[in-house]
Amino acid sequence: MLLFQTFISEFIYMKKDFAIVKIGSTQEIVCKDDEIVVNIIKGKEKDKIEFDQVLLSSIAGKIVVGTPYIKEAKIKAEILGHELAEKVQKRTYKAKARIRRNVGHRQPKTRIKILSI
C-alpha cells in the first residue's frame, strides 16, 4: 500500500493528469500519450478504442474515485500493434526414465497508446 501511495503522490506532485483504468483483467495507471502493453485486445492496428471502466481519475489536481467506476468517464486509446511477450519455458524431467521435455509459450499482447483521459 505504501508503494502505491508513493506512486500516486509522484503523479500529484508532477501535476500530471492520470487515471486508473481496468483493461481486461488488469488495472493500469495511465497518462495521456502513454504507450502500454496489455493482454490481447480484439482489433486491428490504428483502431480507436474506448475504456469506460475508470476506477480513479485525477484531472487538474482534482481526484475522483468511482464506486466502483466513474460514470461518464472514458479513456480513448489507439491500437499500435500486436506482439508476443517473452517466452515462458517449462521443463519436465523424470529420473531414471530418460524423459526430458521442454515446453515454451509466448502470450499474445497488444500495444496501445492513450489519446485522452
Protein backbone atom coordinates (compact mmCIF):
# COMPACT_ATOMS: atom_id res chain seq x y z
CA MET A 1 0.00 0.00 0.00
CA LEU A 2 2.86 2.36 0.81
CA LEU A 3 4.37 1.84 -2.64
CA PHE A 4 1.01 2.69 -4.26
CA GLN A 5 0.67 5.88 -2.17
CA THR A 6 4.19 6.94 -3.10
CA PHE A 7 3.49 6.27 -6.79
CA ILE A 8 0.25 8.31 -6.74
CA SER A 9 1.87 11.16 -4.81
CA GLU A 10 4.56 11.45 -7.51
CA PHE A 11 1.86 11.99 -10.15
CA ILE A 12 0.14 14.61 -8.00
CA TYR A 13 3.47 16.36 -7.31
CA MET A 14 4.30 16.49 -11.03
CA LYS A 15 0.75 17.77 -11.69
CA LYS A 16 0.12 15.17 -14.36
CA ASP A 17 -3.39 14.09 -15.23
CA PHE A 18 -3.73 10.36 -14.72
CA ALA A 19 -6.36 7.67 -14.34
CA ILE A 20 -6.58 4.12 -13.09
CA VAL A 21 -8.50 2.07 -15.65
CA LYS A 22 -9.50 -1.58 -15.79
CA ILE A 23 -8.36 -3.14 -19.07
CA GLY A 24 -9.34 -6.78 -19.36
CA SER A 25 -8.47 -8.36 -16.03
CA THR A 26 -5.76 -5.86 -15.02
CA GLN A 27 -5.73 -2.34 -13.64
CA GLU A 28 -3.38 0.14 -15.29
CA ILE A 29 -2.27 3.64 -14.27
CA VAL A 30 -2.27 5.72 -17.45
CA CYS A 31 -1.47 9.28 -18.52
CA LYS A 32 -2.08 10.99 -21.82
CA ASP A 33 0.35 9.88 -24.58
CA ASP A 34 1.46 6.78 -22.63
CA GLU A 35 2.23 3.60 -24.54
CA ILE A 36 1.37 0.48 -22.58
CA VAL A 37 1.33 -3.24 -23.30
CA VAL A 38 -1.79 -5.12 -22.17
CA ASN A 39 -3.29 -8.55 -22.72
CA ILE A 40 -4.68 -9.14 -26.20
CA ILE A 41 -7.48 -6.81 -27.35
CA LYS A 42 -9.51 -7.60 -30.44
CA GLY A 43 -8.98 -5.06 -33.17
CA LYS A 44 -6.66 -4.04 -35.96
CA GLU A 45 -3.78 -1.59 -35.97
CA LYS A 46 -4.81 2.08 -35.77
CA ASP A 47 -8.29 1.17 -34.48
CA LYS A 48 -9.64 3.60 -31.89
CA ILE A 49 -10.97 2.02 -28.69
CA GLU A 50 -12.61 3.33 -25.52
CA PHE A 51 -12.36 2.07 -21.96
CA ASP A 52 -15.26 3.03 -19.71
CA GLN A 53 -14.21 1.16 -16.56
CA VAL A 54 -12.34 4.06 -14.94
CA LEU A 55 -11.69 3.45 -11.23
CA LEU A 56 -9.92 6.69 -10.30
CA SER A 57 -9.23 9.92 -12.12
CA SER A 58 -7.07 12.94 -11.33
CA ILE A 59 -7.53 15.90 -13.64
CA ALA A 60 -6.06 19.31 -12.73
CA GLY A 61 -5.31 18.07 -9.21
CA LYS A 62 -8.89 17.03 -8.50
CA ILE A 63 -9.15 13.34 -7.59
CA VAL A 64 -12.40 11.49 -8.29
CA VAL A 65 -12.87 7.95 -7.00
CA GLY A 66 -15.51 5.71 -8.55
CA THR A 67 -17.88 3.35 -6.74
CA PRO A 68 -16.78 1.05 -8.39
CA TYR A 69 -16.49 3.02 -11.67
CA ILE A 70 -16.76 6.71 -12.52
CA LYS A 71 -19.88 7.38 -14.57
CA GLU A 72 -19.37 9.13 -17.91
CA ALA A 73 -15.58 8.81 -17.68
CA LYS A 74 -13.91 7.34 -20.74
CA ILE A 75 -10.31 6.70 -21.76
CA LYS A 76 -9.68 6.89 -25.51
CA ALA A 77 -6.83 4.86 -26.96
CA GLU A 78 -5.41 3.63 -30.25
CA ILE A 79 -4.06 0.16 -31.02
CA LEU A 80 -0.45 0.42 -32.17
CA GLY A 81 0.06 -3.27 -32.86
CA HIS A 82 0.02 -6.83 -31.64
CA GLU A 83 3.10 -8.60 -30.33
CA LEU A 84 4.20 -11.59 -28.30
CA ALA A 85 5.53 -11.45 -24.76
CA GLU A 86 8.76 -13.10 -23.68
CA LYS A 87 8.81 -16.86 -23.85
CA VAL A 88 7.97 -18.75 -20.68
CA GLN A 89 9.71 -22.11 -20.60
CA LYS A 90 8.66 -25.17 -18.63
CA ARG A 91 10.93 -28.17 -18.30
CA THR A 92 9.90 -31.60 -17.08
CA TYR A 93 12.24 -34.35 -16.05
CA LYS A 94 11.65 -37.87 -14.82
CA ALA A 95 14.53 -39.58 -13.11
CA LYS A 96 15.71 -42.95 -14.37
CA ALA A 97 13.25 -42.92 -17.27
CA ARG A 98 15.21 -40.85 -19.81
CA ILE A 99 12.30 -38.47 -20.19
CA ARG A 100 13.08 -34.80 -20.63
CA ARG A 101 10.71 -32.31 -22.20
CA ASN A 102 10.75 -28.56 -22.92
CA VAL A 103 7.54 -26.64 -23.44
CA GLY A 104 7.51 -22.95 -24.37
CA HIS A 105 4.68 -20.42 -24.55
CA ARG A 106 4.50 -16.78 -25.70
CA GLN A 107 1.47 -14.84 -24.53
CA PRO A 108 -0.09 -12.53 -27.16
CA LYS A 109 -0.10 -8.85 -26.12
CA THR A 110 -1.40 -5.59 -27.58
CA ARG A 111 0.48 -2.27 -27.51
CA ILE A 112 -1.86 0.72 -27.12
CA LYS A 113 -1.39 4.49 -26.92
CA ILE A 114 -3.59 6.60 -24.64
CA LEU A 115 -5.04 9.52 -26.61
CA SER A 116 -7.17 11.26 -23.96
CA ILE A 117 -8.44 10.93 -20.44
